[in-house]
Amino acid sequence: MTANDESQLVGAIHIPVEAFAIEPLDLRDRAIVSILKTTAARNSGARLLRLGDLDFERALIRFRQGKGGKTPTSPSSPRPG
């Protein structure tokens, strides 16, 4: 994926300027794109993610059914700020 492709993909997710108007599905979509970008996860792995697969204390994401039937973990990106 080129930088231009990535920019277009992220730009396609509607996130309004007003914080109170952000829709839950928009946040979900942005999170999925961020996970795919930062972890190089497969589409199927990202689709199977549940909230319980995120370890916020250790900043890890556990993917179900990785390649070869394994359950890999990947570091998540740190919180900005």
PDB file of N, CA and C in Angstrom:
ATOM      1  N   MET A   1       0.848  -1.167   0.000  1.00  0.00           N
ATOM      2  CA  MET A   1       0.000   0.000   0.000  1.00  0.00           C
ATOM      3  C   MET A   1       0.895   1.233   0.000  1.00  0.00           C
ATOM      4  N   THR A   2       0.623   2.112  -0.905  1.00  0.00           N
ATOM      5  CA  THR A   2       1.408   3.338  -0.977  1.00  0.00           C
ATOM      6  C   THR A   2       0.913   4.335   0.066  1.00  0.00           C
ATOM      7  N   ALA A   3       1.705   5.369   0.301  1.00  0.00           N
ATOM      8  CA  ALA A   3       1.309   6.412   1.246  1.00  0.00           C
ATOM      9  C   ALA A   3       0.033   7.098   0.773  1.00  0.00           C
ATOM     10  N   ASN A   4      -0.105   7.268  -0.540  1.00  0.00           N
ATOM     11  CA  ASN A   4      -1.308   7.883  -1.090  1.00  0.00           C
ATOM     12  C   ASN A   4      -2.529   6.995  -0.856  1.00  0.00           C
ATOM     13  N   ASP A   5      -2.376   5.665  -1.059  1.00  0.00           N
ATOM     14  CA  ASP A   5      -3.473   4.730  -0.807  1.00  0.00           C
ATOM     15  C   ASP A   5      -3.913   4.811   0.654  1.00  0.00           C
ATOM     16  N   GLU A   6      -2.924   4.831   1.541  1.00  0.00           N
ATOM     17  CA  GLU A   6      -3.211   4.897   2.976  1.00  0.00           C
ATOM     18  C   GLU A   6      -3.944   6.178   3.322  1.00  0.00           C
ATOM     19  N   SER A   7      -3.495   7.288   2.763  1.00  0.00           N
ATOM     20  CA  SER A   7      -4.125   8.575   3.022  1.00  0.00           C
ATOM     21  C   SER A   7      -5.578   8.575   2.548  1.00  0.00           C
ATOM     22  N   GLN A   8      -5.832   7.993   1.379  1.00  0.00           N
ATOM     23  CA  GLN A   8      -7.198   7.934   0.862  1.00  0.00           C
ATOM     24  C   GLN A   8      -8.079   7.047   1.725  1.00  0.00           C
ATOM     25  N   LEU A   9      -7.533   5.923   2.213  1.00  0.00           N
ATOM     26  CA  LEU A   9      -8.293   5.016   3.053  1.00  0.00           C
ATOM     27  C   LEU A   9      -8.688   5.687   4.362  1.00  0.00           C
ATOM     28  N   VAL A  10      -7.736   6.311   5.023  1.00  0.00           N
ATOM     29  CA  VAL A  10      -8.021   6.987   6.289  1.00  0.00           C
ATOM     30  C   VAL A  10      -8.955   8.166   6.045  1.00  0.00           C
ATOM     31  N   GLY A  11      -8.772   8.882   4.951  1.00  0.00           N
ATOM     32  CA  GLY A  11      -9.628  10.022   4.632  1.00  0.00           C
ATOM     33  C   GLY A  11     -11.065   9.637   4.328  1.00  0.00           C
ATOM     34  N   ALA A  12     -11.273   8.386   3.936  1.00  0.00           N
ATOM     35  CA  ALA A  12     -12.627   7.929   3.621  1.00  0.00           C
ATOM     36  C   ALA A  12     -13.463   7.690   4.871  1.00  0.00           C
ATOM     37  N   ILE A  13     -12.801   7.591   6.008  1.00  0.00           N
ATOM     38  CA  ILE A  13     -13.521   7.392   7.265  1.00  0.00           C
ATOM     39  C   ILE A  13     -13.946   8.763   7.777  1.00  0.00           C
ATOM     40  N   HIS A  14     -15.232   8.945   7.895  1.00  0.00           N
ATOM     41  CA  HIS A  14     -15.776  10.248   8.280  1.00  0.00           C
ATOM     42  C   HIS A  14     -15.619  10.469   9.778  1.00  0.00           C
ATOM     43  N   ILE A  15     -14.777  11.393  10.183  1.00  0.00           N
ATOM     44  CA  ILE A  15     -14.642  11.792  11.586  1.00  0.00           C
ATOM     45  C   ILE A  15     -14.892  13.299  11.636  1.00  0.00           C
ATOM     46  N   PRO A  16     -16.050  13.710  12.127  1.00  0.00           N
ATOM     47  CA  PRO A  16     -16.358  15.143  12.173  1.00  0.00           C
ATOM     48  C   PRO A  16     -15.474  15.879  13.172  1.00  0.00           C
ATOM     49  N   VAL A  17     -15.371  17.165  12.973  1.00  0.00           N
ATOM     50  CA  VAL A  17     -14.556  18.001  13.844  1.00  0.00           C
ATOM     51  C   VAL A  17     -15.145  18.053  15.249  1.00  0.00           C
ATOM     52  N   GLU A  18     -16.449  18.105  15.346  1.00  0.00           N
ATOM     53  CA  GLU A  18     -17.103  18.187  16.647  1.00  0.00           C
ATOM     54  C   GLU A  18     -17.007  16.837  17.348  1.00  0.00           C
ATOM     55  N   ALA A  19     -16.316  16.796  18.486  1.00  0.00           N
ATOM     56  CA  ALA A  19     -16.083  15.544  19.198  1.00  0.00           C
ATOM     57  C   ALA A  19     -17.385  14.853  19.599  1.00  0.00           C
ATOM     58  N   PHE A  20     -18.413  15.635  19.933  1.00  0.00           N
ATOM     59  CA  PHE A  20     -19.664  15.042  20.376  1.00  0.00           C
ATOM     60  C   PHE A  20     -20.423  14.357  19.243  1.00  0.00           C
ATOM     61  N   ALA A  21     -20.038  14.618  17.993  1.00  0.00           N
ATOM     62  CA  ALA A  21     -20.764  14.071  16.854  1.00  0.00           C
ATOM     63  C   ALA A  21     -20.106  12.827  16.264  1.00  0.00           C
ATOM     64  N   ILE A  22     -19.055  12.317  16.888  1.00  0.00           N
ATOM     65  CA  ILE A  22     -18.372  11.147  16.351  1.00  0.00           C
ATOM     66  C   ILE A  22     -19.254   9.915  16.536  1.00  0.00           C
ATOM     67  N   GLU A  23     -19.485   9.215  15.454  1.00  0.00           N
ATOM     68  CA  GLU A  23     -20.312   8.016  15.486  1.00  0.00           C
ATOM     69  C   GLU A  23     -19.468   6.813  15.903  1.00  0.00           C
ATOM     70  N   PRO A  24     -20.039   5.877  16.677  1.00  0.00           N
ATOM     71  CA  PRO A  24     -19.293   4.692  17.093  1.00  0.00           C
ATOM     72  C   PRO A  24     -18.714   3.898  15.924  1.00  0.00           C
ATOM     73  N   LEU A  25     -19.440   3.787  14.828  1.00  0.00           N
ATOM     74  CA  LEU A  25     -18.927   3.029  13.684  1.00  0.00           C
ATOM     75  C   LEU A  25     -17.731   3.716  13.040  1.00  0.00           C
ATOM     76  N   ASP A  26     -17.697   5.044  13.078  1.00  0.00           N
ATOM     77  CA  ASP A  26     -16.548   5.774  12.557  1.00  0.00           C
ATOM     78  C   ASP A  26     -15.309   5.487  13.406  1.00  0.00           C
ATOM     79  N   LEU A  27     -15.493   5.460  14.720  1.00  0.00           N
ATOM     80  CA  LEU A  27     -14.370   5.144  15.613  1.00  0.00           C
ATOM     81  C   LEU A  27     -13.898   3.715  15.389  1.00  0.00           C
ATOM     82  N   ARG A  28     -14.853   2.789  15.233  1.00  0.00           N
ATOM     83  CA  ARG A  28     -14.494   1.399  14.965  1.00  0.00           C
ATOM     84  C   ARG A  28     -13.677   1.283  13.687  1.00  0.00           C
ATOM     85  N   ASP A  29     -14.137   1.935  12.634  1.00  0.00           N
ATOM     86  CA  ASP A  29     -13.445   1.865  11.351  1.00  0.00           C
ATOM     87  C   ASP A  29     -12.032   2.424  11.449  1.00  0.00           C
ATOM     88  N   ARG A  30     -11.885   3.537  12.142  1.00  0.00           N
ATOM     89  CA  ARG A  30     -10.564   4.138  12.298  1.00  0.00           C
ATOM     90  C   ARG A  30      -9.646   3.212  13.104  1.00  0.00           C
ATOM     91  N   ALA A  31     -10.189   2.574  14.130  1.00  0.00           N
ATOM     92  CA  ALA A  31      -9.397   1.639  14.940  1.00  0.00           C
ATOM     93  C   ALA A  31      -8.952   0.444  14.106  1.00  0.00           C
ATOM     94  N   ILE A  32      -9.838  -0.082  13.279  1.00  0.00           N
ATOM     95  CA  ILE A  32      -9.485  -1.227  12.435  1.00  0.00           C
ATOM     96  C   ILE A  32      -8.378  -0.855  11.466  1.00  0.00           C
ATOM     97  N   VAL A  33      -8.495   0.287  10.825  1.00  0.00           N
ATOM     98  CA  VAL A  33      -7.458   0.727   9.884  1.00  0.00           C
ATOM     99  C   VAL A  33      -6.134   0.911  10.614  1.00  0.00           C
ATOM    100  N   SER A  34      -6.176   1.483  11.800  1.00  0.00           N
ATOM    101  CA  SER A  34      -4.962   1.687  12.584  1.00  0.00           C
ATOM    102  C   SER A  34      -4.324   0.353  12.965  1.00  0.00           C
ATOM    103  N   ILE A  35      -5.132  -0.612  13.378  1.00  0.00           N
ATOM    104  CA  ILE A  35      -4.607  -1.934  13.738  1.00  0.00           C
ATOM    105  C   ILE A  35      -3.983  -2.613  12.530  1.00  0.00           C
ATOM    106  N   LEU A  36      -4.664  -2.572  11.401  1.00  0.00           N
ATOM    107  CA  LEU A  36      -4.114  -3.195  10.190  1.00  0.00           C
ATOM    108  C   LEU A  36      -2.798  -2.541   9.787  1.00  0.00           C
ATOM    109  N   LYS A  37      -2.737  -1.236   9.924  1.00  0.00           N
ATOM    110  CA  LYS A  37      -1.539  -0.494   9.515  1.00  0.00           C
ATOM    111  C   LYS A  37      -0.358  -0.754  10.457  1.00  0.00           C
ATOM    112  N   THR A  38      -0.587  -0.723  11.765  1.00  0.00           N
ATOM    113  CA  THR A  38       0.525  -0.796  12.710  1.00  0.00           C
ATOM    114  C   THR A  38       0.973  -2.211  13.033  1.00  0.00           C
ATOM    115  N   THR A  39       0.107  -3.208  12.835  1.00  0.00           N
ATOM    116  CA  THR A  39       0.470  -4.577  13.200  1.00  0.00           C
ATOM    117  C   THR A  39       0.704  -5.490  12.009  1.00  0.00           C
ATOM    118  N   ALA A  40       0.359  -5.052  10.818  1.00  0.00           N
ATOM    119  CA  ALA A  40       0.428  -5.881   9.607  1.00  0.00           C
ATOM    120  C   ALA A  40      -0.428  -7.132   9.761  1.00  0.00           C
ATOM    121  N   ALA A  41      -1.509  -7.011  10.528  1.00  0.00           N
ATOM    122  CA  ALA A  41      -2.429  -8.132  10.728  1.00  0.00           C
ATOM    123  C   ALA A  41      -3.161  -8.434   9.427  1.00  0.00           C
ATOM    124  N   ARG A  42      -3.615  -9.651   9.334  1.00  0.00           N
ATOM    125  CA  ARG A  42      -4.429 -10.038   8.186  1.00  0.00           C
ATOM    126  C   ARG A  42      -5.868  -9.563   8.416  1.00  0.00           C
ATOM    127  N   ASN A  43      -6.585  -9.391   7.335  1.00  0.00           N
ATOM    128  CA  ASN A  43      -7.976  -8.962   7.386  1.00  0.00           C
ATOM    129  C   ASN A  43      -8.782  -9.893   8.292  1.00  0.00           C
ATOM    130  N   SER A  44      -8.606 -11.198   8.141  1.00  0.00           N
ATOM    131  CA  SER A  44      -9.378 -12.156   8.932  1.00  0.00           C
ATOM    132  C   SER A  44      -9.070 -12.010  10.416  1.00  0.00           C
ATOM    133  N   GLY A  45      -7.819 -11.747  10.767  1.00  0.00           N
ATOM    134  CA  GLY A  45      -7.450 -11.563  12.166  1.00  0.00           C
ATOM    135  C   GLY A  45      -8.096 -10.334  12.765  1.00  0.00           C
ATOM    136  N   ALA A  46      -8.149  -9.259  12.007  1.00  0.00           N
ATOM    137  CA  ALA A  46      -8.771  -8.025  12.495  1.00  0.00           C
ATOM    138  C   ALA A  46     -10.280  -8.196  12.652  1.00  0.00           C
ATOM    139  N   ARG A  47     -10.899  -8.935  11.749  1.00  0.00           N
ATOM    140  CA  ARG A  47     -12.351  -9.147  11.833  1.00  0.00           C
ATOM    141  C   ARG A  47     -12.750  -9.959  13.056  1.00  0.00           C
ATOM    142  N   LEU A  48     -11.872 -10.830  13.537  1.00  0.00           N
ATOM    143  CA  LEU A  48     -12.183 -11.675  14.683  1.00  0.00           C
ATOM    144  C   LEU A  48     -11.890 -11.007  16.026  1.00  0.00           C
ATOM    145  N   LEU A  49     -11.282  -9.822  16.012  1.00  0.00           N
ATOM    146  CA  LEU A  49     -10.924  -9.152  17.263  1.00  0.00           C
ATOM    147  C   LEU A  49     -12.153  -8.792  18.082  1.00  0.00           C
ATOM    148  N   ARG A  50     -12.011  -8.949  19.388  1.00  0.00           N
ATOM    149  CA  ARG A  50     -13.015  -8.532  20.350  1.00  0.00           C
ATOM    150  C   ARG A  50     -12.319  -7.670  21.392  1.00  0.00           C
ATOM    151  N   LEU A  51     -13.068  -6.921  22.145  1.00  0.00           N
ATOM    152  CA  LEU A  51     -12.492  -6.020  23.133  1.00  0.00           C
ATOM    153  C   LEU A  51     -11.581  -6.765  24.108  1.00  0.00           C
ATOM    154  N   GLY A  52     -11.937  -7.980  24.470  1.00  0.00           N
ATOM    155  CA  GLY A  52     -11.135  -8.778  25.384  1.00  0.00           C
ATOM    156  C   GLY A  52      -9.774  -9.175  24.822  1.00  0.00           C
ATOM    157  N   ASP A  53      -9.576  -9.026  23.525  1.00  0.00           N
ATOM    158  CA  ASP A  53      -8.295  -9.359  22.890  1.00  0.00           C
ATOM    159  C   ASP A  53      -7.275  -8.232  23.039  1.00  0.00           C
ATOM    160  N   LEU A  54      -7.716  -7.101  23.572  1.00  0.00           N
ATOM    161  CA  LEU A  54      -6.827  -5.955  23.754  1.00  0.00           C
ATOM    162  C   LEU A  54      -6.343  -5.907  25.194  1.00  0.00           C
ATOM    163  N   ASP A  55      -5.036  -5.927  25.370  1.00  0.00           N
ATOM    164  CA  ASP A  55      -4.433  -5.821  26.692  1.00  0.00           C
ATOM    165  C   ASP A  55      -3.883  -4.402  26.809  1.00  0.00           C
ATOM    166  N   PHE A  56      -4.663  -3.524  27.425  1.00  0.00           N
ATOM    167  CA  PHE A  56      -4.300  -2.118  27.496  1.00  0.00           C
ATOM    168  C   PHE A  56      -3.101  -1.882  28.407  1.00  0.00           C
ATOM    169  N   GLU A  57      -2.980  -2.676  29.471  1.00  0.00           N
ATOM    170  CA  GLU A  57      -1.849  -2.501  30.398  1.00  0.00           C
ATOM    171  C   GLU A  57      -0.512  -2.800  29.737  1.00  0.00           C
ATOM    172  N   ARG A  58      -0.466  -3.866  28.953  1.00  0.00           N
ATOM    173  CA  ARG A  58       0.789  -4.249  28.298  1.00  0.00           C
ATOM    174  C   ARG A  58       0.867  -3.768  26.850  1.00  0.00           C
ATOM    175  N   ALA A  59      -0.165  -3.075  26.389  1.00  0.00           N
ATOM    176  CA  ALA A  59      -0.238  -2.557  25.017  1.00  0.00           C
ATOM    177  C   ALA A  59      -0.039  -3.670  23.992  1.00  0.00           C
ATOM    178  N   LEU A  60      -0.809  -4.757  24.159  1.00  0.00           N
ATOM    179  CA  LEU A  60      -0.731  -5.899  23.254  1.00  0.00           C
ATOM    180  C   LEU A  60      -2.106  -6.206  22.678  1.00  0.00           C
ATOM    181  N   ILE A  61      -2.091  -6.767  21.482  1.00  0.00           N
ATOM    182  CA  ILE A  61      -3.312  -7.241  20.839  1.00  0.00           C
ATOM    183  C   ILE A  61      -3.126  -8.732  20.596  1.00  0.00           C
ATOM    184  N   ARG A  62      -4.086  -9.542  21.040  1.00  0.00           N
ATOM    185  CA  ARG A  62      -4.037 -10.989  20.803  1.00  0.00           C
ATOM    186  C   ARG A  62      -4.948 -11.302  19.625  1.00  0.00           C
ATOM    187  N   PHE A  63      -4.375 -11.864  18.576  1.00  0.00           N
ATOM    188  CA  PHE A  63      -5.144 -12.219  17.391  1.00  0.00           C
ATOM    189  C   PHE A  63      -5.562 -13.681  17.495  1.00  0.00           C
ATOM    190  N   ARG A  64      -6.815 -13.958  17.232  1.00  0.00           N
ATOM    191  CA  ARG A  64      -7.311 -15.332  17.236  1.00  0.00           C
ATOM    192  C   ARG A  64      -6.976 -15.975  15.896  1.00  0.00           C
ATOM    193  N   GLN A  65      -6.660 -17.218  15.920  1.00  0.00           N
ATOM    194  CA  GLN A  65      -6.424 -17.998  14.710  1.00  0.00           C
ATOM    195  C   GLN A  65      -5.485 -17.316  13.745  1.00  0.00           C
ATOM    196  N   GLY A  66      -4.256 -17.183  14.159  1.00  0.00           N
ATOM    197  CA  GLY A  66      -3.250 -16.648  13.250  1.00  0.00           C
ATOM    198  C   GLY A  66      -2.868 -17.690  12.215  1.00  0.00           C
ATOM    199  N   LYS A  67      -1.942 -17.361  11.388  1.00  0.00           N
ATOM    200  CA  LYS A  67      -1.480 -18.274  10.358  1.00  0.00           C
ATOM    201  C   LYS A  67      -0.941 -19.546  11.007  1.00  0.00           C
ATOM    202  N   GLY A  68      -1.350 -20.684  10.516  1.00  0.00           N
ATOM    203  CA  GLY A  68      -0.908 -21.950  11.071  1.00  0.00           C
ATOM    204  C   GLY A  68      -1.636 -22.333  12.347  1.00  0.00           C
ATOM    205  N   GLY A  69      -2.785 -21.692  12.640  1.00  0.00           N
ATOM    206  CA  GLY A  69      -3.556 -22.025  13.820  1.00  0.00           C
ATOM    207  C   GLY A  69      -2.985 -21.465  15.115  1.00  0.00           C
ATOM    208  N   LYS A  70      -1.981 -20.618  15.025  1.00  0.00           N
ATOM    209  CA  LYS A  70      -1.360 -20.030  16.213  1.00  0.00           C
ATOM    210  C   LYS A  70      -2.186 -18.835  16.694  1.00  0.00           C
ATOM    211  N   THR A  71      -1.936 -18.404  17.922  1.00  0.00           N
ATOM    212  CA  THR A  71      -2.578 -17.211  18.479  1.00  0.00           C
ATOM    213  C   THR A  71      -1.492 -16.184  18.753  1.00  0.00           C
ATOM    214  N   PRO A  72      -1.121 -15.422  17.739  1.00  0.00           N
ATOM    215  CA  PRO A  72      -0.042 -14.441  17.922  1.00  0.00           C
ATOM    216  C   PRO A  72      -0.486 -13.208  18.692  1.00  0.00           C
ATOM    217  N   THR A  73       0.475 -12.537  19.291  1.00  0.00           N
ATOM    218  CA  THR A  73       0.216 -11.241  19.892  1.00  0.00           C
ATOM    219  C   THR A  73       1.080 -10.219  19.176  1.00  0.00           C
ATOM    220  N   SER A  74       0.619  -9.001  19.176  1.00  0.00           N
ATOM    221  CA  SER A  74       1.344  -7.934  18.509  1.00  0.00           C
ATOM    222  C   SER A  74       1.283  -6.683  19.378  1.00  0.00           C
ATOM    223  N   PRO A  75       2.361  -5.926  19.439  1.00  0.00           N
ATOM    224  CA  PRO A  75       2.289  -4.660  20.180  1.00  0.00           C
ATOM    225  C   PRO A  75       1.338  -3.705  19.489  1.00  0.00           C
ATOM    226  N   SER A  76       0.554  -3.005  20.263  1.00  0.00           N
ATOM    227  CA  SER A  76      -0.299  -1.960  19.703  1.00  0.00           C
ATOM    228  C   SER A  76       0.478  -0.669  19.713  1.00  0.00           C
ATOM    229  N   SER A  77       0.002   0.293  18.962  1.00  0.00           N
ATOM    230  CA  SER A  77       0.705   1.577  18.939  1.00  0.00           C
ATOM    231  C   SER A  77       0.432   2.304  20.251  1.00  0.00           C
ATOM    232  N   PRO A  78       1.397   3.046  20.747  1.00  0.00           N
ATOM    233  CA  PRO A  78       1.183   3.767  22.000  1.00  0.00           C
ATOM    234  C   PRO A  78       0.168   4.880  21.829  1.00  0.00           C
ATOM    235  N   ARG A  79      -0.448   5.240  22.937  1.00  0.00           N
ATOM    236  CA  ARG A  79      -1.396   6.354  22.903  1.00  0.00           C
ATOM    237  C   ARG A  79      -0.656   7.653  22.642  1.00  0.00           C
ATOM    238  N   PRO A  80      -1.244   8.501  21.814  1.00  0.00           N
ATOM    239  CA  PRO A  80      -0.602   9.795  21.579  1.00  0.00           C
ATOM    240  C   PRO A  80      -0.627  10.653  22.833  1.00  0.00           C
ATOM    241  N   GLY A  81       0.377  11.499  22.952  1.00  0.00           N
ATOM    242  CA  GLY A  81       0.340  12.447  24.028  1.00  0.00           C
ATOM    243  C   GLY A  81       1.351  12.171  25.033  1.00  0.00           C
TER     244      GLY A  81
END
